[in-house]
Amino acid sequence: MRIFTKIMLALACCGILSISSVSTAFSADLSEESTSLFFELSEYTFTFASGAGAWYTELEIHEDGTFSGNFHNTGMGDRGEGYDYSVYECSYNGTLSDPVKIDDHCFYVQASSLNLDVPDGTEEIRERVRHVSDMPYGLSDAEEMYICLPGCSTEHIPENAGEFFPEKSRVNGVITHPLIYMAASSTVFKGYVSHIEEETAGGNISAERGLVQEAEETARELRDQIYAAKDDQTKADLYETLYMHWDAVLNELWGRLAERLDAEQMDHLTEEELVWIANKESICRQIEAGCVDVRNGQLQSNMFAAEETRSRVYILLKYFE
């Protein structure tokens, strides 16, 4: 990096010069490098999620420097007249600034826009579920992002982000997976290869990632059938099929983890899994008990179980990365 660039970044860090000025000053210099960086990042899906799978935010960066994603959070205790629980969710999109190169493995960008497909705060009750459009966790104040590629020094990730900084993503002081550090919220989004063909290139085949991606295709077909169904009983049956589908994927991953992890790791994960199962089943019973109509109770319970099990699949998948 040129000395002049380092001086401008130092001034920005001290508050003497805005980082936006740095980005503007070098947008022309880095246009070709920006294209290369965004192309590399487009192969990944970046995820920020709770360990129990209660909520998650997914982010994808596209080759042209735009980004998009989804957020989902289930609030089982948030019920009221006409609805049994609430779902906070959104689909969003935005645009990134040209990146400022900090070193060969770390880049600074700004989210110059962040738009929700449905306005923030919009509410709608469907099938006794309250759907609320909400800002995505980890991104609502993400004007500043640090893109860290494999080989990046962990010094670029502040200590206060430790809660969201996976241990498996760092070895000997360097980052092993692509990460995005959100400065405003001190959160870390971890990158996972989002296309089977890219992941298998070079012989590094992740069978587990491929398994989940194939499962998503089947799940998408089932959801299409659910949306087309005309009555609650058919929807309830299809949601049960969707739940069993994700449960089978979860069990397959669990069996593979038993062969991969040592006894101490497996014991710890088993304790966590048993707590998750108990909570899921307890909430399903609460949903059914809280619905006057039996068929609607089954529908809502199966819907919740399917979504929670899918979220848990992605939590277990992280152990293979």
C-alpha atoms as a PDB file:
ATOM      1  CA  MET A   1       0.000   0.000   0.000  1.00  0.00           C
ATOM      2  CA  ARG A   2       1.287   3.458  -0.804  1.00  0.00           C
ATOM      3  CA  ILE A   3       2.518   5.688   2.043  1.00  0.00           C
ATOM      4  CA  PHE A   4      -0.065   8.352   1.124  1.00  0.00           C
ATOM      5  CA  THR A   5      -2.851   5.794   1.540  1.00  0.00           C
ATOM      6  CA  LYS A   6      -1.575   4.836   5.000  1.00  0.00           C
ATOM      7  CA  ILE A   7      -1.468   8.489   6.015  1.00  0.00           C
ATOM      8  CA  MET A   8      -5.087   9.035   4.905  1.00  0.00           C
ATOM      9  CA  LEU A   9      -6.271   5.937   6.784  1.00  0.00           C
ATOM     10  CA  ALA A  10      -4.429   7.091   9.905  1.00  0.00           C
ATOM     11  CA  LEU A  11      -6.096  10.502   9.669  1.00  0.00           C
ATOM     12  CA  ALA A  12      -9.487   8.813   9.292  1.00  0.00           C
ATOM     13  CA  CYS A  13      -8.900   6.629  12.342  1.00  0.00           C
ATOM     14  CA  CYS A  14      -8.004   9.749  14.364  1.00  0.00           C
ATOM     15  CA  GLY A  15     -11.185  11.520  13.242  1.00  0.00           C
ATOM     16  CA  ILE A  16      -9.271  14.168  11.291  1.00  0.00           C
ATOM     17  CA  LEU A  17     -10.500  12.865   7.958  1.00  0.00           C
ATOM     18  CA  SER A  18     -13.712  10.938   7.294  1.00  0.00           C
ATOM     19  CA  ILE A  19     -13.250   7.386   6.081  1.00  0.00           C
ATOM     20  CA  SER A  20     -15.733   8.207   3.295  1.00  0.00           C
ATOM     21  CA  SER A  21     -13.196  10.666   1.969  1.00  0.00           C
ATOM     22  CA  VAL A  22     -10.616   7.891   1.875  1.00  0.00           C
ATOM     23  CA  SER A  23     -13.010   5.638  -0.034  1.00  0.00           C
ATOM     24  CA  THR A  24     -13.834   8.402  -2.513  1.00  0.00           C
ATOM     25  CA  ALA A  25     -10.186   9.268  -2.999  1.00  0.00           C
ATOM     26  CA  PHE A  26      -9.291   5.752  -4.034  1.00  0.00           C
ATOM     27  CA  SER A  27     -12.453   4.571  -5.771  1.00  0.00           C
ATOM     28  CA  ALA A  28     -10.811   4.978  -9.170  1.00  0.00           C
ATOM     29  CA  ASP A  29      -7.573   3.271  -8.080  1.00  0.00           C
ATOM     30  CA  LEU A  30      -9.361   0.263  -6.656  1.00  0.00           C
ATOM     31  CA  SER A  31     -12.144  -0.241  -9.183  1.00  0.00           C
ATOM     32  CA  GLU A  32     -10.447  -3.272 -10.761  1.00  0.00           C
ATOM     33  CA  GLU A  33      -9.445  -4.652  -7.366  1.00  0.00           C
ATOM     34  CA  SER A  34     -12.981  -4.021  -6.103  1.00  0.00           C
ATOM     35  CA  THR A  35     -14.405  -6.116  -8.913  1.00  0.00           C
ATOM     36  CA  SER A  36     -12.020  -8.948  -8.070  1.00  0.00           C
ATOM     37  CA  LEU A  37     -12.827  -8.763  -4.345  1.00  0.00           C
ATOM     38  CA  PHE A  38     -16.603  -8.681  -4.832  1.00  0.00           C
ATOM     39  CA  PHE A  39     -16.355 -11.580  -7.296  1.00  0.00           C
ATOM     40  CA  GLU A  40     -14.509 -13.641  -4.671  1.00  0.00           C
ATOM     41  CA  LEU A  41     -17.014 -12.747  -1.950  1.00  0.00           C
ATOM     42  CA  SER A  42     -19.979 -13.625  -4.189  1.00  0.00           C
ATOM     43  CA  GLU A  43     -19.089 -17.300  -3.712  1.00  0.00           C
ATOM     44  CA  TYR A  44     -20.013 -17.102  -0.022  1.00  0.00           C
ATOM     45  CA  THR A  45     -23.062 -16.708   2.174  1.00  0.00           C
ATOM     46  CA  PHE A  46     -22.230 -14.814   5.378  1.00  0.00           C
ATOM     47  CA  THR A  47     -24.196 -15.747   8.500  1.00  0.00           C
ATOM     48  CA  PHE A  48     -24.705 -14.196  11.931  1.00  0.00           C
ATOM     49  CA  ALA A  49     -26.803 -16.449  14.186  1.00  0.00           C
ATOM     50  CA  SER A  50     -27.539 -17.443  17.766  1.00  0.00           C
ATOM     51  CA  GLY A  51     -26.064 -20.682  19.047  1.00  0.00           C
ATOM     52  CA  ALA A  52     -29.521 -22.062  19.809  1.00  0.00           C
ATOM     53  CA  GLY A  53     -30.821 -21.295  16.343  1.00  0.00           C
ATOM     54  CA  ALA A  54     -33.528 -18.878  17.558  1.00  0.00           C
ATOM     55  CA  TRP A  55     -32.559 -16.214  15.029  1.00  0.00           C
ATOM     56  CA  TYR A  56     -30.226 -15.700  12.103  1.00  0.00           C
ATOM     57  CA  THR A  57     -29.178 -13.075   9.559  1.00  0.00           C
ATOM     58  CA  GLU A  58     -27.829 -14.155   6.166  1.00  0.00           C
ATOM     59  CA  LEU A  59     -25.867 -11.822   3.885  1.00  0.00           C
ATOM     60  CA  GLU A  60     -24.699 -12.286   0.303  1.00  0.00           C
ATOM     61  CA  ILE A  61     -22.406  -9.873  -1.561  1.00  0.00           C
ATOM     62  CA  HIS A  62     -22.783  -9.750  -5.335  1.00  0.00           C
ATOM     63  CA  GLU A  63     -20.197  -9.173  -8.048  1.00  0.00           C
ATOM     64  CA  ASP A  64     -21.398  -5.601  -8.710  1.00  0.00           C
ATOM     65  CA  GLY A  65     -20.900  -4.525  -5.079  1.00  0.00           C
ATOM     66  CA  THR A  66     -24.555  -4.779  -4.063  1.00  0.00           C
ATOM     67  CA  PHE A  67     -25.670  -7.060  -1.241  1.00  0.00           C
ATOM     68  CA  SER A  68     -28.864  -8.789  -0.138  1.00  0.00           C
ATOM     69  CA  GLY A  69     -30.038 -11.180   2.527  1.00  0.00           C
ATOM     70  CA  ASN A  70     -32.677 -12.386   4.953  1.00  0.00           C
ATOM     71  CA  PHE A  71     -33.341 -12.116   8.673  1.00  0.00           C
ATOM     72  CA  HIS A  72     -35.575 -14.351  10.819  1.00  0.00           C
ATOM     73  CA  ASN A  73     -36.364 -14.348  14.534  1.00  0.00           C
ATOM     74  CA  THR A  74     -39.173 -16.269  16.240  1.00  0.00           C
ATOM     75  CA  GLY A  75     -40.703 -14.681  19.348  1.00  0.00           C
ATOM     76  CA  MET A  76     -42.706 -17.453  20.966  1.00  0.00           C
ATOM     77  CA  GLY A  77     -43.603 -15.376  24.030  1.00  0.00           C
ATOM     78  CA  ASP A  78     -44.837 -12.469  21.939  1.00  0.00           C
ATOM     79  CA  ARG A  79     -48.525 -13.289  21.539  1.00  0.00           C
ATOM     80  CA  GLY A  80     -51.711 -11.277  21.550  1.00  0.00           C
ATOM     81  CA  GLU A  81     -55.261 -11.056  20.308  1.00  0.00           C
ATOM     82  CA  GLY A  82     -55.586 -12.934  17.036  1.00  0.00           C
ATOM     83  CA  TYR A  83     -52.091 -14.464  17.020  1.00  0.00           C
ATOM     84  CA  ASP A  84     -50.253 -17.185  18.971  1.00  0.00           C
ATOM     85  CA  TYR A  85     -46.686 -15.967  18.457  1.00  0.00           C
ATOM     86  CA  SER A  86     -44.653 -13.479  16.414  1.00  0.00           C
ATOM     87  CA  VAL A  87     -42.052 -13.770  13.687  1.00  0.00           C
ATOM     88  CA  TYR A  88     -39.682 -10.872  13.098  1.00  0.00           C
ATOM     89  CA  GLU A  89     -38.233 -11.039   9.618  1.00  0.00           C
ATOM     90  CA  CYS A  90     -37.130  -9.195   6.529  1.00  0.00           C
ATOM     91  CA  SER A  91     -35.500  -9.451   3.153  1.00  0.00           C
ATOM     92  CA  TYR A  92     -33.095  -6.622   2.500  1.00  0.00           C
ATOM     93  CA  ASN A  93     -30.666  -5.224  -0.036  1.00  0.00           C
ATOM     94  CA  GLY A  94     -28.095  -2.472  -0.301  1.00  0.00           C
ATOM     95  CA  THR A  95     -24.936  -1.159  -1.917  1.00  0.00           C
ATOM     96  CA  LEU A  96     -21.316  -1.191  -0.767  1.00  0.00           C
ATOM     97  CA  SER A  97     -18.741   1.507  -1.383  1.00  0.00           C
ATOM     98  CA  ASP A  98     -15.509   0.756  -3.202  1.00  0.00           C
ATOM     99  CA  PRO A  99     -13.258  -1.017  -0.690  1.00  0.00           C
ATOM    100  CA  VAL A 100     -10.242   0.614   0.911  1.00  0.00           C
ATOM    101  CA  LYS A 101      -7.353  -1.847   1.069  1.00  0.00           C
ATOM    102  CA  ILE A 102      -5.834  -2.096   4.544  1.00  0.00           C
ATOM    103  CA  ASP A 103      -3.553  -5.000   3.620  1.00  0.00           C
ATOM    104  CA  ASP A 104      -3.624  -7.988   1.263  1.00  0.00           C
ATOM    105  CA  HIS A 105      -6.227  -9.773   3.407  1.00  0.00           C
ATOM    106  CA  CYS A 106      -8.294  -6.954   4.913  1.00  0.00           C
ATOM    107  CA  PHE A 107     -10.511  -4.326   3.276  1.00  0.00           C
ATOM    108  CA  TYR A 108     -12.718  -1.550   4.588  1.00  0.00           C
ATOM    109  CA  VAL A 109     -16.125  -0.829   3.009  1.00  0.00           C
ATOM    110  CA  GLN A 110     -19.201   1.183   3.858  1.00  0.00           C
ATOM    111  CA  ALA A 111     -22.828   0.183   3.416  1.00  0.00           C
ATOM    112  CA  SER A 112     -23.956   3.229   1.478  1.00  0.00           C
ATOM    113  CA  SER A 113     -27.570   2.011   1.574  1.00  0.00           C
ATOM    114  CA  LEU A 114     -29.672  -0.590   3.408  1.00  0.00           C
ATOM    115  CA  ASN A 115     -33.258  -1.130   2.238  1.00  0.00           C
ATOM    116  CA  LEU A 116     -35.966  -3.507   3.433  1.00  0.00           C
ATOM    117  CA  ASP A 117     -38.316  -5.092   0.893  1.00  0.00           C
ATOM    118  CA  VAL A 118     -41.166  -4.329   3.326  1.00  0.00           C
ATOM    119  CA  PRO A 119     -40.986  -1.106   5.415  1.00  0.00           C
ATOM    120  CA  ASP A 120     -39.654  -1.519   8.957  1.00  0.00           C
ATOM    121  CA  GLY A 121     -42.446  -2.046  11.487  1.00  0.00           C
ATOM    122  CA  THR A 122     -45.026  -3.340   8.989  1.00  0.00           C
ATOM    123  CA  GLU A 123     -47.236  -5.981  10.652  1.00  0.00           C
ATOM    124  CA  GLU A 124     -49.496  -8.656   9.232  1.00  0.00           C
ATOM    125  CA  ILE A 125     -51.263 -11.594  10.883  1.00  0.00           C
ATOM    126  CA  ARG A 126     -51.413 -14.752   8.750  1.00  0.00           C
ATOM    127  CA  GLU A 127     -52.751 -18.069  10.030  1.00  0.00           C
ATOM    128  CA  ARG A 128     -52.571 -16.804  13.644  1.00  0.00           C
ATOM    129  CA  VAL A 129     -48.919 -15.791  13.310  1.00  0.00           C
ATOM    130  CA  ARG A 130     -47.955 -12.127  13.593  1.00  0.00           C
ATOM    131  CA  HIS A 131     -45.289 -11.255  11.000  1.00  0.00           C
ATOM    132  CA  VAL A 132     -43.333  -8.084  11.713  1.00  0.00           C
ATOM    133  CA  SER A 133     -40.866  -6.509   9.298  1.00  0.00           C
ATOM    134  CA  ASP A 134     -37.776  -5.763  11.368  1.00  0.00           C
ATOM    135  CA  MET A 135     -34.197  -4.588  10.786  1.00  0.00           C
ATOM    136  CA  PRO A 136     -31.732  -7.499  10.511  1.00  0.00           C
ATOM    137  CA  TYR A 137     -29.617  -8.268  13.579  1.00  0.00           C
ATOM    138  CA  GLY A 138     -26.018  -7.198  13.148  1.00  0.00           C
ATOM    139  CA  LEU A 139     -26.761  -4.976  10.160  1.00  0.00           C
ATOM    140  CA  SER A 140     -29.108  -2.273  11.372  1.00  0.00           C
ATOM    141  CA  ASP A 141     -26.185   0.062  12.144  1.00  0.00           C
ATOM    142  CA  ALA A 142     -23.588  -1.487   9.841  1.00  0.00           C
ATOM    143  CA  GLU A 143     -22.290   1.586   8.063  1.00  0.00           C
ATOM    144  CA  GLU A 144     -18.711   0.323   8.500  1.00  0.00           C
ATOM    145  CA  MET A 145     -17.540  -3.186   7.570  1.00  0.00           C
ATOM    146  CA  TYR A 146     -14.142  -4.866   7.581  1.00  0.00           C
ATOM    147  CA  ILE A 147     -13.857  -7.719   5.106  1.00  0.00           C
ATOM    148  CA  CYS A 148     -11.298 -10.239   6.355  1.00  0.00           C
ATOM    149  CA  LEU A 149     -10.081 -12.914   3.962  1.00  0.00           C
ATOM    150  CA  PRO A 150      -8.299 -16.151   4.952  1.00  0.00           C
ATOM    151  CA  GLY A 151      -4.791 -15.232   6.091  1.00  0.00           C
ATOM    152  CA  CYS A 152      -5.947 -11.963   7.675  1.00  0.00           C
ATOM    153  CA  SER A 153      -4.457 -11.204  11.089  1.00  0.00           C
ATOM    154  CA  THR A 154      -6.882 -11.581  13.991  1.00  0.00           C
ATOM    155  CA  GLU A 155      -5.664  -8.162  15.167  1.00  0.00           C
ATOM    156  CA  HIS A 156      -8.188  -6.654  12.756  1.00  0.00           C
ATOM    157  CA  ILE A 157     -11.030  -8.104  14.894  1.00  0.00           C
ATOM    158  CA  PRO A 158     -11.420  -6.164  18.187  1.00  0.00           C
ATOM    159  CA  GLU A 159     -11.583  -8.106  21.457  1.00  0.00           C
ATOM    160  CA  ASN A 160     -15.160  -6.982  22.140  1.00  0.00           C
ATOM    161  CA  ALA A 161     -16.304  -9.062  19.138  1.00  0.00           C
ATOM    162  CA  GLY A 162     -15.130 -12.274  20.819  1.00  0.00           C
ATOM    163  CA  GLU A 163     -18.674 -13.479  21.557  1.00  0.00           C
ATOM    164  CA  PHE A 164     -19.393 -13.641  17.836  1.00  0.00           C
ATOM    165  CA  PHE A 165     -15.906 -14.609  16.641  1.00  0.00           C
ATOM    166  CA  PRO A 166     -15.846 -18.419  16.101  1.00  0.00           C
ATOM    167  CA  GLU A 167     -12.792 -20.173  17.542  1.00  0.00           C
ATOM    168  CA  LYS A 168     -12.696 -22.431  14.491  1.00  0.00           C
ATOM    169  CA  SER A 169     -12.180 -19.352  12.305  1.00  0.00           C
ATOM    170  CA  ARG A 170      -8.751 -18.520  13.756  1.00  0.00           C
ATOM    171  CA  VAL A 171      -5.522 -20.475  13.967  1.00  0.00           C
ATOM    172  CA  ASN A 172      -2.146 -19.126  15.110  1.00  0.00           C
ATOM    173  CA  GLY A 173      -3.276 -15.533  14.922  1.00  0.00           C
ATOM    174  CA  VAL A 174      -4.751 -15.650  11.425  1.00  0.00           C
ATOM    175  CA  ILE A 175      -8.280 -16.074  10.093  1.00  0.00           C
ATOM    176  CA  THR A 176      -9.091 -19.346   8.318  1.00  0.00           C
ATOM    177  CA  HIS A 177     -12.554 -18.432   6.950  1.00  0.00           C
ATOM    178  CA  PRO A 178     -13.735 -15.237   5.257  1.00  0.00           C
ATOM    179  CA  LEU A 179     -15.377 -12.970   7.818  1.00  0.00           C
ATOM    180  CA  ILE A 180     -17.081  -9.601   7.851  1.00  0.00           C
ATOM    181  CA  TYR A 181     -16.671  -7.554  11.020  1.00  0.00           C
ATOM    182  CA  MET A 182     -19.455  -4.996  11.561  1.00  0.00           C
ATOM    183  CA  ALA A 183     -17.854  -2.139  13.469  1.00  0.00           C
ATOM    184  CA  ALA A 184     -21.032  -0.443  14.753  1.00  0.00           C
ATOM    185  CA  SER A 185     -22.521  -3.570  16.339  1.00  0.00           C
ATOM    186  CA  SER A 186     -19.197  -5.399  17.038  1.00  0.00           C
ATOM    187  CA  THR A 187     -20.532  -8.520  15.357  1.00  0.00           C
ATOM    188  CA  VAL A 188     -18.904 -11.028  13.040  1.00  0.00           C
ATOM    189  CA  PHE A 189     -20.541 -12.634  10.000  1.00  0.00           C
ATOM    190  CA  LYS A 190     -18.843 -15.899   9.009  1.00  0.00           C
ATOM    191  CA  GLY A 191     -18.634 -16.913   5.356  1.00  0.00           C
ATOM    192  CA  TYR A 192     -19.654 -20.309   3.992  1.00  0.00           C
ATOM    193  CA  VAL A 193     -19.293 -21.398   0.388  1.00  0.00           C
ATOM    194  CA  SER A 194     -22.744 -21.043  -1.131  1.00  0.00           C
ATOM    195  CA  HIS A 195     -22.314 -23.051  -4.328  1.00  0.00           C
ATOM    196  CA  ILE A 196     -21.461 -26.726  -4.533  1.00  0.00           C
ATOM    197  CA  GLU A 197     -19.360 -26.368  -7.666  1.00  0.00           C
ATOM    198  CA  GLU A 198     -17.073 -23.749  -6.115  1.00  0.00           C
ATOM    199  CA  GLU A 199     -16.717 -25.735  -2.932  1.00  0.00           C
ATOM    200  CA  THR A 200     -15.718 -28.901  -4.720  1.00  0.00           C
ATOM    201  CA  ALA A 201     -13.169 -27.137  -6.933  1.00  0.00           C
ATOM    202  CA  GLY A 202      -9.608 -28.205  -6.179  1.00  0.00           C
ATOM    203  CA  GLY A 203     -10.760 -31.401  -4.510  1.00  0.00           C
ATOM    204  CA  ASN A 204     -11.891 -29.800  -1.215  1.00  0.00           C
ATOM    205  CA  ILE A 205     -15.323 -31.419  -1.192  1.00  0.00           C
ATOM    206  CA  SER A 206     -17.696 -30.636   1.670  1.00  0.00           C
ATOM    207  CA  ALA A 207     -20.238 -33.436   1.514  1.00  0.00           C
ATOM    208  CA  GLU A 208     -22.140 -31.919   4.421  1.00  0.00           C
ATOM    209  CA  ARG A 209     -22.559 -28.558   2.730  1.00  0.00           C
ATOM    210  CA  GLY A 210     -23.721 -30.336  -0.421  1.00  0.00           C
ATOM    211  CA  LEU A 211     -26.186 -32.374   1.646  1.00  0.00           C
ATOM    212  CA  VAL A 212     -27.746 -29.233   3.114  1.00  0.00           C
ATOM    213  CA  GLN A 213     -27.926 -27.470  -0.230  1.00  0.00           C
ATOM    214  CA  GLU A 214     -29.751 -30.440  -1.748  1.00  0.00           C
ATOM    215  CA  ALA A 215     -32.071 -30.402   1.271  1.00  0.00           C
ATOM    216  CA  GLU A 216     -32.847 -26.735   0.593  1.00  0.00           C
ATOM    217  CA  GLU A 217     -33.964 -27.613  -2.935  1.00  0.00           C
ATOM    218  CA  THR A 218     -36.394 -30.219  -1.596  1.00  0.00           C
ATOM    219  CA  ALA A 219     -37.582 -27.812   1.095  1.00  0.00           C
ATOM    220  CA  ARG A 220     -38.227 -25.137  -1.525  1.00  0.00           C
ATOM    221  CA  GLU A 221     -40.466 -27.538  -3.454  1.00  0.00           C
ATOM    222  CA  LEU A 222     -42.380 -28.380  -0.276  1.00  0.00           C
ATOM    223  CA  ARG A 223     -42.873 -24.702   0.558  1.00  0.00           C
ATOM    224  CA  ASP A 224     -44.263 -24.106  -2.927  1.00  0.00           C
ATOM    225  CA  GLN A 225     -46.812 -26.856  -2.260  1.00  0.00           C
ATOM    226  CA  ILE A 226     -47.654 -25.296   1.113  1.00  0.00           C
ATOM    227  CA  TYR A 227     -48.279 -21.869  -0.423  1.00  0.00           C
ATOM    228  CA  ALA A 228     -50.520 -23.459  -3.058  1.00  0.00           C
ATOM    229  CA  ALA A 229     -52.552 -25.499  -0.528  1.00  0.00           C
ATOM    230  CA  LYS A 230     -56.141 -24.363  -0.009  1.00  0.00           C
ATOM    231  CA  ASP A 231     -56.953 -25.757   3.461  1.00  0.00           C
ATOM    232  CA  ASP A 232     -55.269 -25.866   6.879  1.00  0.00           C
ATOM    233  CA  GLN A 233     -55.166 -29.663   7.103  1.00  0.00           C
ATOM    234  CA  THR A 234     -53.209 -29.984   3.863  1.00  0.00           C
ATOM    235  CA  LYS A 235     -50.855 -27.231   4.993  1.00  0.00           C
ATOM    236  CA  ALA A 236     -50.403 -28.902   8.383  1.00  0.00           C
ATOM    237  CA  ASP A 237     -49.552 -32.225   6.720  1.00  0.00           C
ATOM    238  CA  LEU A 238     -47.064 -30.556   4.366  1.00  0.00           C
ATOM    239  CA  TYR A 239     -45.415 -28.662   7.209  1.00  0.00           C
ATOM    240  CA  GLU A 240     -45.091 -31.961   9.068  1.00  0.00           C
ATOM    241  CA  THR A 241     -43.395 -33.417   5.980  1.00  0.00           C
ATOM    242  CA  LEU A 242     -41.105 -30.381   5.867  1.00  0.00           C
ATOM    243  CA  TYR A 243     -40.279 -30.826   9.555  1.00  0.00           C
ATOM    244  CA  MET A 244     -39.498 -34.537   9.110  1.00  0.00           C
ATOM    245  CA  HIS A 245     -37.367 -33.643   6.093  1.00  0.00           C
ATOM    246  CA  TRP A 246     -35.174 -31.276   8.116  1.00  0.00           C
ATOM    247  CA  ASP A 247     -35.153 -33.678  11.057  1.00  0.00           C
ATOM    248  CA  ALA A 248     -33.703 -36.391   8.809  1.00  0.00           C
ATOM    249  CA  VAL A 249     -30.982 -33.984   7.625  1.00  0.00           C
ATOM    250  CA  LEU A 250     -30.261 -33.051  11.244  1.00  0.00           C
ATOM    251  CA  ASN A 251     -29.911 -36.708  12.230  1.00  0.00           C
ATOM    252  CA  GLU A 252     -27.601 -37.387   9.291  1.00  0.00           C
ATOM    253  CA  LEU A 253     -25.313 -34.527  10.318  1.00  0.00           C
ATOM    254  CA  TRP A 254     -25.419 -35.705  13.919  1.00  0.00           C
ATOM    255  CA  GLY A 255     -24.237 -39.168  12.920  1.00  0.00           C
ATOM    256  CA  ARG A 256     -21.336 -37.693  10.968  1.00  0.00           C
ATOM    257  CA  LEU A 257     -20.386 -35.434  13.870  1.00  0.00           C
ATOM    258  CA  ALA A 258     -20.218 -38.462  16.155  1.00  0.00           C
ATOM    259  CA  GLU A 259     -17.461 -39.799  13.915  1.00  0.00           C
ATOM    260  CA  ARG A 260     -15.691 -36.446  13.660  1.00  0.00           C
ATOM    261  CA  LEU A 261     -15.610 -34.953  17.176  1.00  0.00           C
ATOM    262  CA  ASP A 262     -13.739 -36.291  20.185  1.00  0.00           C
ATOM    263  CA  ALA A 263     -15.617 -37.619  23.220  1.00  0.00           C
ATOM    264  CA  GLU A 264     -15.429 -34.377  25.208  1.00  0.00           C
ATOM    265  CA  GLN A 265     -16.683 -32.260  22.299  1.00  0.00           C
ATOM    266  CA  MET A 266     -19.492 -34.730  21.598  1.00  0.00           C
ATOM    267  CA  ASP A 267     -20.585 -34.797  25.250  1.00  0.00           C
ATOM    268  CA  HIS A 268     -20.781 -30.999  25.310  1.00  0.00           C
ATOM    269  CA  LEU A 269     -22.711 -30.901  22.032  1.00  0.00           C
ATOM    270  CA  THR A 270     -25.069 -33.647  23.232  1.00  0.00           C
ATOM    271  CA  GLU A 271     -25.971 -31.620  26.330  1.00  0.00           C
ATOM    272  CA  GLU A 272     -26.673 -28.604  24.117  1.00  0.00           C
ATOM    273  CA  GLU A 273     -28.724 -30.719  21.709  1.00  0.00           C
ATOM    274  CA  LEU A 274     -30.880 -32.179  24.492  1.00  0.00           C
ATOM    275  CA  VAL A 275     -31.671 -28.694  25.788  1.00  0.00           C
ATOM    276  CA  TRP A 276     -32.575 -27.569  22.267  1.00  0.00           C
ATOM    277  CA  ILE A 277     -34.866 -30.594  21.737  1.00  0.00           C
ATOM    278  CA  ALA A 278     -36.616 -30.042  25.077  1.00  0.00           C
ATOM    279  CA  ASN A 279     -37.197 -26.359  24.327  1.00  0.00           C
ATOM    280  CA  LYS A 280     -38.466 -27.087  20.816  1.00  0.00           C
ATOM    281  CA  GLU A 281     -40.924 -29.739  22.009  1.00  0.00           C
ATOM    282  CA  SER A 282     -42.088 -27.554  24.898  1.00  0.00           C
ATOM    283  CA  ILE A 283     -42.826 -24.661  22.581  1.00  0.00           C
ATOM    284  CA  CYS A 284     -44.660 -26.942  20.146  1.00  0.00           C
ATOM    285  CA  ARG A 285     -46.904 -28.117  22.978  1.00  0.00           C
ATOM    286  CA  GLN A 286     -47.545 -24.521  24.024  1.00  0.00           C
ATOM    287  CA  ILE A 287     -48.496 -23.599  20.474  1.00  0.00           C
ATOM    288  CA  GLU A 288     -50.980 -26.480  20.174  1.00  0.00           C
ATOM    289  CA  ALA A 289     -52.468 -25.745  23.603  1.00  0.00           C
ATOM    290  CA  GLY A 290     -52.844 -22.064  22.777  1.00  0.00           C
ATOM    291  CA  CYS A 291     -54.813 -22.611  19.552  1.00  0.00           C
ATOM    292  CA  VAL A 292     -58.571 -23.042  19.756  1.00  0.00           C
ATOM    293  CA  ASP A 293     -58.732 -24.866  16.428  1.00  0.00           C
ATOM    294  CA  VAL A 294     -56.928 -28.236  16.561  1.00  0.00           C
ATOM    295  CA  ARG A 295     -55.930 -28.223  12.894  1.00  0.00           C
ATOM    296  CA  ASN A 296     -54.561 -24.707  13.158  1.00  0.00           C
ATOM    297  CA  GLY A 297     -52.620 -25.735  16.261  1.00  0.00           C
ATOM    298  CA  GLN A 298     -51.039 -28.615  14.351  1.00  0.00           C
ATOM    299  CA  LEU A 299     -50.238 -26.309  11.440  1.00  0.00           C
ATOM    300  CA  GLN A 300     -48.548 -23.704  13.653  1.00  0.00           C
ATOM    301  CA  SER A 301     -46.684 -26.335  15.658  1.00  0.00           C
ATOM    302  CA  ASN A 302     -45.368 -28.098  12.560  1.00  0.00           C
ATOM    303  CA  MET A 303     -44.431 -24.754  10.990  1.00  0.00           C
ATOM    304  CA  PHE A 304     -42.415 -23.788  14.045  1.00  0.00           C
ATOM    305  CA  ALA A 305     -40.758 -27.216  14.342  1.00  0.00           C
ATOM    306  CA  ALA A 306     -39.729 -27.165  10.682  1.00  0.00           C
ATOM    307  CA  GLU A 307     -38.153 -23.708  10.903  1.00  0.00           C
ATOM    308  CA  GLU A 308     -36.381 -24.386  14.197  1.00  0.00           C
ATOM    309  CA  THR A 309     -34.996 -27.694  12.939  1.00  0.00           C
ATOM    310  CA  ARG A 310     -33.740 -26.048   9.757  1.00  0.00           C
ATOM    311  CA  SER A 311     -31.990 -23.402  11.867  1.00  0.00           C
ATOM    312  CA  ARG A 312     -30.426 -26.135  14.001  1.00  0.00           C
ATOM    313  CA  VAL A 313     -29.111 -27.858  10.871  1.00  0.00           C
ATOM    314  CA  TYR A 314     -27.090 -24.742  10.057  1.00  0.00           C
ATOM    315  CA  ILE A 315     -25.736 -24.599  13.609  1.00  0.00           C
ATOM    316  CA  LEU A 316     -24.445 -28.179  13.331  1.00  0.00           C
ATOM    317  CA  LEU A 317     -23.115 -27.524   9.847  1.00  0.00           C
ATOM    318  CA  LYS A 318     -20.661 -25.004  11.318  1.00  0.00           C
ATOM    319  CA  TYR A 319     -18.793 -27.869  13.012  1.00  0.00           C
ATOM    320  CA  PHE A 320     -17.777 -29.175   9.587  1.00  0.00           C
ATOM    321  CA  GLU A 321     -16.335 -25.855   8.385  1.00  0.00           C
END
